[in-house]
Amino acid sequence: MPTARIVKWGNSLAVRIPKPVAEEAGVREGDPLVIEVAAGEISLRRKQRIPTLKELVAQITPENRYDETPTGTERGKESVEW
């Protein structure tokens, strides 16, 4: 079982995660984590990441797109020239 040591980092404390543990957990530098404390125990878990708009748009395929919805004729200033 890998171990680590708490060290001072500025006014805070820090723990280095050994490379094999980070690889097994699938975490990288910059990943957001949630730190929780309960009954004197510290636990870390990956924070749920919100995908960017670019990542969401990249997932659009012809198979998962909806067809255009007809809404009738124009009645006001909604006419747009593309």
PDB file of N, CA and C in Angstrom:
ATOM      1  N   MET A   1       0.850  -1.172   0.000  1.00  0.00           N
ATOM      2  CA  MET A   1       0.000   0.000   0.000  1.00  0.00           C
ATOM      3  C   MET A   1       0.897   1.237   0.000  1.00  0.00           C
ATOM      4  N   PRO A   2       0.722   2.130  -1.006  1.00  0.00           N
ATOM      5  CA  PRO A   2       1.528   3.351  -1.049  1.00  0.00           C
ATOM      6  C   PRO A   2       1.191   4.268   0.129  1.00  0.00           C
ATOM      7  N   THR A   3       2.182   5.011   0.573  1.00  0.00           N
ATOM      8  CA  THR A   3       1.968   5.982   1.649  1.00  0.00           C
ATOM      9  C   THR A   3       2.443   7.345   1.175  1.00  0.00           C
ATOM     10  N   ALA A   4       2.033   8.380   1.886  1.00  0.00           N
ATOM     11  CA  ALA A   4       2.442   9.742   1.565  1.00  0.00           C
ATOM     12  C   ALA A   4       2.651  10.496   2.864  1.00  0.00           C
ATOM     13  N   ARG A   5       3.239  11.678   2.753  1.00  0.00           N
ATOM     14  CA  ARG A   5       3.509  12.495   3.921  1.00  0.00           C
ATOM     15  C   ARG A   5       2.912  13.879   3.688  1.00  0.00           C
ATOM     16  N   ILE A   6       2.368  14.464   4.740  1.00  0.00           N
ATOM     17  CA  ILE A   6       1.832  15.817   4.659  1.00  0.00           C
ATOM     18  C   ILE A   6       3.003  16.788   4.782  1.00  0.00           C
ATOM     19  N   VAL A   7       3.054  17.770   3.876  1.00  0.00           N
ATOM     20  CA  VAL A   7       4.120  18.780   3.887  1.00  0.00           C
ATOM     21  C   VAL A   7       3.487  20.171   3.858  1.00  0.00           C
ATOM     22  N   LYS A   8       4.242  21.162   4.300  1.00  0.00           N
ATOM     23  CA  LYS A   8       3.773  22.549   4.284  1.00  0.00           C
ATOM     24  C   LYS A   8       3.921  23.107   2.868  1.00  0.00           C
ATOM     25  N   TRP A   9       2.902  23.820   2.397  1.00  0.00           N
ATOM     26  CA  TRP A   9       2.940  24.452   1.088  1.00  0.00           C
ATOM     27  C   TRP A   9       2.323  25.844   1.262  1.00  0.00           C
ATOM     28  N   GLY A  10       3.151  26.851   1.418  1.00  0.00           N
ATOM     29  CA  GLY A  10       2.665  28.191   1.743  1.00  0.00           C
ATOM     30  C   GLY A  10       2.041  28.168   3.116  1.00  0.00           C
ATOM     31  N   ASN A  11       0.812  28.651   3.228  1.00  0.00           N
ATOM     32  CA  ASN A  11       0.092  28.610   4.506  1.00  0.00           C
ATOM     33  C   ASN A  11      -0.763  27.361   4.639  1.00  0.00           C
ATOM     34  N   SER A  12      -0.717  26.485   3.654  1.00  0.00           N
ATOM     35  CA  SER A  12      -1.555  25.285   3.644  1.00  0.00           C
ATOM     36  C   SER A  12      -0.702  24.041   3.827  1.00  0.00           C
ATOM     37  N   LEU A  13      -1.368  22.908   3.843  1.00  0.00           N
ATOM     38  CA  LEU A  13      -0.698  21.611   3.860  1.00  0.00           C
ATOM     39  C   LEU A  13      -0.983  20.918   2.534  1.00  0.00           C
ATOM     40  N   ALA A  14      -0.064  20.052   2.123  1.00  0.00           N
ATOM     41  CA  ALA A  14      -0.228  19.363   0.846  1.00  0.00           C
ATOM     42  C   ALA A  14       0.179  17.907   0.978  1.00  0.00           C
ATOM     43  N   VAL A  15      -0.364  17.086   0.094  1.00  0.00           N
ATOM     44  CA  VAL A  15      -0.014  15.672   0.005  1.00  0.00           C
ATOM     45  C   VAL A  15       0.272  15.371  -1.458  1.00  0.00           C
ATOM     46  N   ARG A  16       1.387  14.733  -1.738  1.00  0.00           N
ATOM     47  CA  ARG A  16       1.673  14.282  -3.101  1.00  0.00           C
ATOM     48  C   ARG A  16       1.073  12.911  -3.299  1.00  0.00           C
ATOM     49  N   ILE A  17       0.383  12.754  -4.415  1.00  0.00           N
ATOM     50  CA  ILE A  17      -0.211  11.457  -4.739  1.00  0.00           C
ATOM     51  C   ILE A  17       0.801  10.693  -5.588  1.00  0.00           C
ATOM     52  N   PRO A  18       1.234   9.525  -5.142  1.00  0.00           N
ATOM     53  CA  PRO A  18       2.201   8.754  -5.923  1.00  0.00           C
ATOM     54  C   PRO A  18       1.675   8.447  -7.325  1.00  0.00           C
ATOM     55  N   LYS A  19       2.571   8.440  -8.304  1.00  0.00           N
ATOM     56  CA  LYS A  19       2.196   8.248  -9.704  1.00  0.00           C
ATOM     57  C   LYS A  19       1.362   6.994  -9.935  1.00  0.00           C
ATOM     58  N   PRO A  20       1.727   5.825  -9.377  1.00  0.00           N
ATOM     59  CA  PRO A  20       0.897   4.633  -9.617  1.00  0.00           C
ATOM     60  C   PRO A  20      -0.536   4.782  -9.091  1.00  0.00           C
ATOM     61  N   VAL A  21      -0.691   5.490  -7.961  1.00  0.00           N
ATOM     62  CA  VAL A  21      -2.023   5.699  -7.400  1.00  0.00           C
ATOM     63  C   VAL A  21      -2.824   6.637  -8.305  1.00  0.00           C
ATOM     64  N   ALA A  22      -2.181   7.713  -8.771  1.00  0.00           N
ATOM     65  CA  ALA A  22      -2.860   8.666  -9.660  1.00  0.00           C
ATOM     66  C   ALA A  22      -3.275   7.983 -10.962  1.00  0.00           C
ATOM     67  N   GLU A  23      -2.393   7.149 -11.509  1.00  0.00           N
ATOM     68  CA  GLU A  23      -2.725   6.444 -12.749  1.00  0.00           C
ATOM     69  C   GLU A  23      -3.890   5.490 -12.548  1.00  0.00           C
ATOM     70  N   GLU A  24      -3.866   4.764 -11.441  1.00  0.00           N
ATOM     71  CA  GLU A  24      -4.956   3.815 -11.169  1.00  0.00           C
ATOM     72  C   GLU A  24      -6.283   4.538 -10.964  1.00  0.00           C
ATOM     73  N   ALA A  25      -6.230   5.717 -10.324  1.00  0.00           N
ATOM     74  CA  ALA A  25      -7.452   6.490 -10.084  1.00  0.00           C
ATOM     75  C   ALA A  25      -7.877   7.281 -11.315  1.00  0.00           C
ATOM     76  N   GLY A  26      -6.970   7.427 -12.276  1.00  0.00           N
ATOM     77  CA  GLY A  26      -7.290   8.160 -13.492  1.00  0.00           C
ATOM     78  C   GLY A  26      -7.342   9.667 -13.295  1.00  0.00           C
ATOM     79  N   VAL A  27      -6.526  10.180 -12.359  1.00  0.00           N
ATOM     80  CA  VAL A  27      -6.491  11.627 -12.134  1.00  0.00           C
ATOM     81  C   VAL A  27      -5.218  12.218 -12.714  1.00  0.00           C
ATOM     82  N   ARG A  28      -5.336  13.487 -13.129  1.00  0.00           N
ATOM     83  CA  ARG A  28      -4.186  14.194 -13.692  1.00  0.00           C
ATOM     84  C   ARG A  28      -4.064  15.550 -13.021  1.00  0.00           C
ATOM     85  N   GLU A  29      -2.945  16.195 -13.260  1.00  0.00           N
ATOM     86  CA  GLU A  29      -2.731  17.544 -12.728  1.00  0.00           C
ATOM     87  C   GLU A  29      -3.842  18.464 -13.217  1.00  0.00           C
ATOM     88  N   GLY A  30      -4.403  19.219 -12.307  1.00  0.00           N
ATOM     89  CA  GLY A  30      -5.464  20.161 -12.647  1.00  0.00           C
ATOM     90  C   GLY A  30      -6.871  19.622 -12.480  1.00  0.00           C
ATOM     91  N   ASP A  31      -7.021  18.307 -12.280  1.00  0.00           N
ATOM     92  CA  ASP A  31      -8.357  17.745 -12.083  1.00  0.00           C
ATOM     93  C   ASP A  31      -8.949  18.277 -10.778  1.00  0.00           C
ATOM     94  N   PRO A  32     -10.224  18.678 -10.780  1.00  0.00           N
ATOM     95  CA  PRO A  32     -10.846  19.148  -9.541  1.00  0.00           C
ATOM     96  C   PRO A  32     -11.206  17.978  -8.625  1.00  0.00           C
ATOM     97  N   LEU A  33     -10.948  18.154  -7.329  1.00  0.00           N
ATOM     98  CA  LEU A  33     -11.275  17.143  -6.333  1.00  0.00           C
ATOM     99  C   LEU A  33     -12.114  17.766  -5.230  1.00  0.00           C
ATOM    100  N   VAL A  34     -12.939  16.961  -4.588  1.00  0.00           N
ATOM    101  CA  VAL A  34     -13.707  17.376  -3.427  1.00  0.00           C
ATOM    102  C   VAL A  34     -13.029  16.764  -2.208  1.00  0.00           C
ATOM    103  N   ILE A  35     -12.765  17.585  -1.191  1.00  0.00           N
ATOM    104  CA  ILE A  35     -12.140  17.115   0.049  1.00  0.00           C
ATOM    105  C   ILE A  35     -13.225  17.079   1.115  1.00  0.00           C
ATOM    106  N   GLU A  36     -13.407  15.920   1.737  1.00  0.00           N
ATOM    107  CA  GLU A  36     -14.411  15.772   2.788  1.00  0.00           C
ATOM    108  C   GLU A  36     -13.746  15.265   4.065  1.00  0.00           C
ATOM    109  N   VAL A  37     -14.275  15.714   5.180  1.00  0.00           N
ATOM    110  CA  VAL A  37     -13.775  15.281   6.484  1.00  0.00           C
ATOM    111  C   VAL A  37     -14.949  14.729   7.271  1.00  0.00           C
ATOM    112  N   ALA A  38     -14.791  13.535   7.830  1.00  0.00           N
ATOM    113  CA  ALA A  38     -15.822  12.922   8.666  1.00  0.00           C
ATOM    114  C   ALA A  38     -15.140  12.028   9.683  1.00  0.00           C
ATOM    115  N   ALA A  39     -15.483  12.209  10.921  1.00  0.00           N
ATOM    116  CA  ALA A  39     -14.958  11.384  12.018  1.00  0.00           C
ATOM    117  C   ALA A  39     -13.428  11.346  12.008  1.00  0.00           C
ATOM    118  N   GLY A  40     -12.799  12.487  11.754  1.00  0.00           N
ATOM    119  CA  GLY A  40     -11.351  12.555  11.769  1.00  0.00           C
ATOM    120  C   GLY A  40     -10.664  11.942  10.564  1.00  0.00           C
ATOM    121  N   GLU A  41     -11.415  11.544   9.546  1.00  0.00           N
ATOM    122  CA  GLU A  41     -10.862  10.950   8.325  1.00  0.00           C
ATOM    123  C   GLU A  41     -10.998  11.935   7.177  1.00  0.00           C
ATOM    124  N   ILE A  42      -9.961  12.045   6.353  1.00  0.00           N
ATOM    125  CA  ILE A  42      -9.986  12.894   5.167  1.00  0.00           C
ATOM    126  C   ILE A  42     -10.182  11.998   3.957  1.00  0.00           C
ATOM    127  N   SER A  43     -11.121  12.372   3.108  1.00  0.00           N
ATOM    128  CA  SER A  43     -11.312  11.595   1.880  1.00  0.00           C
ATOM    129  C   SER A  43     -11.335  12.546   0.684  1.00  0.00           C
ATOM    130  N   LEU A  44     -10.827  12.063  -0.428  1.00  0.00           N
ATOM    131  CA  LEU A  44     -10.816  12.799  -1.682  1.00  0.00           C
ATOM    132  C   LEU A  44     -11.667  12.051  -2.687  1.00  0.00           C
ATOM    133  N   ARG A  45     -12.415  12.796  -3.483  1.00  0.00           N
ATOM    134  CA  ARG A  45     -13.139  12.179  -4.592  1.00  0.00           C
ATOM    135  C   ARG A  45     -13.148  13.151  -5.749  1.00  0.00           C
ATOM    136  N   ARG A  46     -13.248  12.614  -6.921  1.00  0.00           N
ATOM    137  CA  ARG A  46     -13.255  13.423  -8.132  1.00  0.00           C
ATOM    138  C   ARG A  46     -14.530  14.260  -8.166  1.00  0.00           C
ATOM    139  N   LYS A  47     -14.380  15.558  -8.441  1.00  0.00           N
ATOM    140  CA  LYS A  47     -15.536  16.435  -8.569  1.00  0.00           C
ATOM    141  C   LYS A  47     -16.170  16.181  -9.923  1.00  0.00           C
ATOM    142  N   GLN A  48     -17.498  16.151  -9.936  1.00  0.00           N
ATOM    143  CA  GLN A  48     -18.201  15.939 -11.196  1.00  0.00           C
ATOM    144  C   GLN A  48     -17.893  17.118 -12.108  1.00  0.00           C
ATOM    145  N   ARG A  49     -17.354  16.821 -13.253  1.00  0.00           N
ATOM    146  CA  ARG A  49     -16.930  17.858 -14.184  1.00  0.00           C
ATOM    147  C   ARG A  49     -18.063  18.195 -15.142  1.00  0.00           C
ATOM    148  N   ILE A  50     -18.277  19.477 -15.364  1.00  0.00           N
ATOM    149  CA  ILE A  50     -19.294  19.920 -16.308  1.00  0.00           C
ATOM    150  C   ILE A  50     -18.627  20.047 -17.672  1.00  0.00           C
ATOM    151  N   PRO A  51     -19.133  19.330 -18.671  1.00  0.00           N
ATOM    152  CA  PRO A  51     -18.497  19.385 -19.989  1.00  0.00           C
ATOM    153  C   PRO A  51     -18.636  20.779 -20.608  1.00  0.00           C
ATOM    154  N   THR A  52     -17.664  21.149 -21.436  1.00  0.00           N
ATOM    155  CA  THR A  52     -17.719  22.428 -22.130  1.00  0.00           C
ATOM    156  C   THR A  52     -18.689  22.339 -23.300  1.00  0.00           C
ATOM    157  N   LEU A  53     -19.100  23.494 -23.795  1.00  0.00           N
ATOM    158  CA  LEU A  53     -19.995  23.512 -24.955  1.00  0.00           C
ATOM    159  C   LEU A  53     -19.325  22.839 -26.145  1.00  0.00           C
ATOM    160  N   LYS A  54     -18.039  23.065 -26.321  1.00  0.00           N
ATOM    161  CA  LYS A  54     -17.302  22.447 -27.431  1.00  0.00           C
ATOM    162  C   LYS A  54     -17.359  20.918 -27.335  1.00  0.00           C
ATOM    163  N   GLU A  55     -17.207  20.371 -26.121  1.00  0.00           N
ATOM    164  CA  GLU A  55     -17.274  18.914 -25.931  1.00  0.00           C
ATOM    165  C   GLU A  55     -18.674  18.392 -26.224  1.00  0.00           C
ATOM    166  N   LEU A  56     -19.695  19.126 -25.802  1.00  0.00           N
ATOM    167  CA  LEU A  56     -21.074  18.695 -26.053  1.00  0.00           C
ATOM    168  C   LEU A  56     -21.404  18.718 -27.544  1.00  0.00           C
ATOM    169  N   VAL A  57     -21.001  19.796 -28.221  1.00  0.00           N
ATOM    170  CA  VAL A  57     -21.277  19.909 -29.659  1.00  0.00           C
ATOM    171  C   VAL A  57     -20.557  18.813 -30.431  1.00  0.00           C
ATOM    172  N   ALA A  58     -19.364  18.437 -29.974  1.00  0.00           N
ATOM    173  CA  ALA A  58     -18.602  17.384 -30.653  1.00  0.00           C
ATOM    174  C   ALA A  58     -19.331  16.037 -30.613  1.00  0.00           C
ATOM    175  N   GLN A  59     -20.267  15.875 -29.683  1.00  0.00           N
ATOM    176  CA  GLN A  59     -20.999  14.617 -29.563  1.00  0.00           C
ATOM    177  C   GLN A  59     -22.228  14.553 -30.476  1.00  0.00           C
ATOM    178  N   ILE A  60     -22.540  15.655 -31.156  1.00  0.00           N
ATOM    179  CA  ILE A  60     -23.716  15.670 -32.043  1.00  0.00           C
ATOM    180  C   ILE A  60     -23.396  14.896 -33.317  1.00  0.00           C
ATOM    181  N   THR A  61     -24.267  13.972 -33.646  1.00  0.00           N
ATOM    182  CA  THR A  61     -24.136  13.192 -34.876  1.00  0.00           C
ATOM    183  C   THR A  61     -25.464  13.234 -35.616  1.00  0.00           C
ATOM    184  N   PRO A  62     -25.485  12.877 -36.893  1.00  0.00           N
ATOM    185  CA  PRO A  62     -26.770  12.843 -37.608  1.00  0.00           C
ATOM    186  C   PRO A  62     -27.779  11.891 -36.942  1.00  0.00           C
ATOM    187  N   GLU A  63     -27.291  10.851 -36.282  1.00  0.00           N
ATOM    188  CA  GLU A  63     -28.193   9.874 -35.657  1.00  0.00           C
ATOM    189  C   GLU A  63     -28.867  10.420 -34.401  1.00  0.00           C
ATOM    190  N   ASN A  64     -28.232  11.368 -33.685  1.00  0.00           N
ATOM    191  CA  ASN A  64     -28.840  11.838 -32.441  1.00  0.00           C
ATOM    192  C   ASN A  64     -29.380  13.268 -32.552  1.00  0.00           C
ATOM    193  N   ARG A  65     -29.583  13.747 -33.782  1.00  0.00           N
ATOM    194  CA  ARG A  65     -30.163  15.072 -33.996  1.00  0.00           C
ATOM    195  C   ARG A  65     -31.662  14.948 -34.203  1.00  0.00           C
ATOM    196  N   TYR A  66     -32.385  15.942 -33.725  1.00  0.00           N
ATOM    197  CA  TYR A  66     -33.825  16.011 -33.971  1.00  0.00           C
ATOM    198  C   TYR A  66     -34.063  16.674 -35.318  1.00  0.00           C
ATOM    199  N   ASP A  67     -35.173  16.317 -35.956  1.00  0.00           N
ATOM    200  CA  ASP A  67     -35.565  16.980 -37.189  1.00  0.00           C
ATOM    201  C   ASP A  67     -36.037  18.395 -36.864  1.00  0.00           C
ATOM    202  N   GLU A  68     -36.023  19.239 -37.872  1.00  0.00           N
ATOM    203  CA  GLU A  68     -36.507  20.609 -37.698  1.00  0.00           C
ATOM    204  C   GLU A  68     -37.989  20.566 -37.377  1.00  0.00           C
ATOM    205  N   THR A  69     -38.415  21.417 -36.473  1.00  0.00           N
ATOM    206  CA  THR A  69     -39.816  21.469 -36.073  1.00  0.00           C
ATOM    207  C   THR A  69     -40.505  22.627 -36.782  1.00  0.00           C
ATOM    208  N   PRO A  70     -41.502  22.342 -37.630  1.00  0.00           N
ATOM    209  CA  PRO A  70     -42.205  23.440 -38.305  1.00  0.00           C
ATOM    210  C   PRO A  70     -43.053  24.215 -37.301  1.00  0.00           C
ATOM    211  N   THR A  71     -42.981  25.541 -37.370  1.00  0.00           N
ATOM    212  CA  THR A  71     -43.743  26.375 -36.436  1.00  0.00           C
ATOM    213  C   THR A  71     -44.731  27.291 -37.140  1.00  0.00           C
ATOM    214  N   GLY A  72     -44.913  27.109 -38.436  1.00  0.00           N
ATOM    215  CA  GLY A  72     -45.861  27.943 -39.172  1.00  0.00           C
ATOM    216  C   GLY A  72     -45.167  29.116 -39.835  1.00  0.00           C
ATOM    217  N   THR A  73     -45.975  30.012 -40.361  1.00  0.00           N
ATOM    218  CA  THR A  73     -45.422  31.161 -41.075  1.00  0.00           C
ATOM    219  C   THR A  73     -44.930  32.211 -40.084  1.00  0.00           C
ATOM    220  N   GLU A  74     -44.060  33.087 -40.584  1.00  0.00           N
ATOM    221  CA  GLU A  74     -43.542  34.165 -39.752  1.00  0.00           C
ATOM    222  C   GLU A  74     -44.664  35.136 -39.417  1.00  0.00           C
ATOM    223  N   ARG A  75     -44.700  35.621 -38.176  1.00  0.00           N
ATOM    224  CA  ARG A  75     -45.761  36.536 -37.774  1.00  0.00           C
ATOM    225  C   ARG A  75     -45.224  37.854 -37.222  1.00  0.00           C
ATOM    226  N   GLY A  76     -43.937  37.958 -37.064  1.00  0.00           N
ATOM    227  CA  GLY A  76     -43.389  39.175 -36.472  1.00  0.00           C
ATOM    228  C   GLY A  76     -42.001  39.433 -36.979  1.00  0.00           C
ATOM    229  N   LYS A  77     -41.087  39.734 -36.067  1.00  0.00           N
ATOM    230  CA  LYS A  77     -39.723  40.073 -36.443  1.00  0.00           C
ATOM    231  C   LYS A  77     -38.773  38.877 -36.319  1.00  0.00           C
ATOM    232  N   GLU A  78     -39.324  37.658 -36.333  1.00  0.00           N
ATOM    233  CA  GLU A  78     -38.469  36.485 -36.171  1.00  0.00           C
ATOM    234  C   GLU A  78     -37.759  36.056 -37.448  1.00  0.00           C
ATOM    235  N   SER A  79     -38.024  36.697 -38.565  1.00  0.00           N
ATOM    236  CA  SER A  79     -37.370  36.352 -39.821  1.00  0.00           C
ATOM    237  C   SER A  79     -35.884  36.712 -39.745  1.00  0.00           C
ATOM    238  N   VAL A  80     -35.034  35.728 -40.012  1.00  0.00           N
ATOM    239  CA  VAL A  80     -33.592  35.936 -39.967  1.00  0.00           C
ATOM    240  C   VAL A  80     -32.997  35.426 -41.260  1.00  0.00           C
ATOM    241  N   GLU A  81     -32.142  36.219 -41.866  1.00  0.00           N
ATOM    242  CA  GLU A  81     -31.445  35.800 -43.085  1.00  0.00           C
ATOM    243  C   GLU A  81     -30.131  35.159 -42.681  1.00  0.00           C
ATOM    244  N   TRP A  82     -29.909  33.936 -43.005  1.00  0.00           N
ATOM    245  CA  TRP A  82     -28.659  33.244 -42.674  1.00  0.00           C
ATOM    246  C   TRP A  82     -27.792  33.329 -43.852  1.00  0.00           C
TER     247      TRP A  82
END
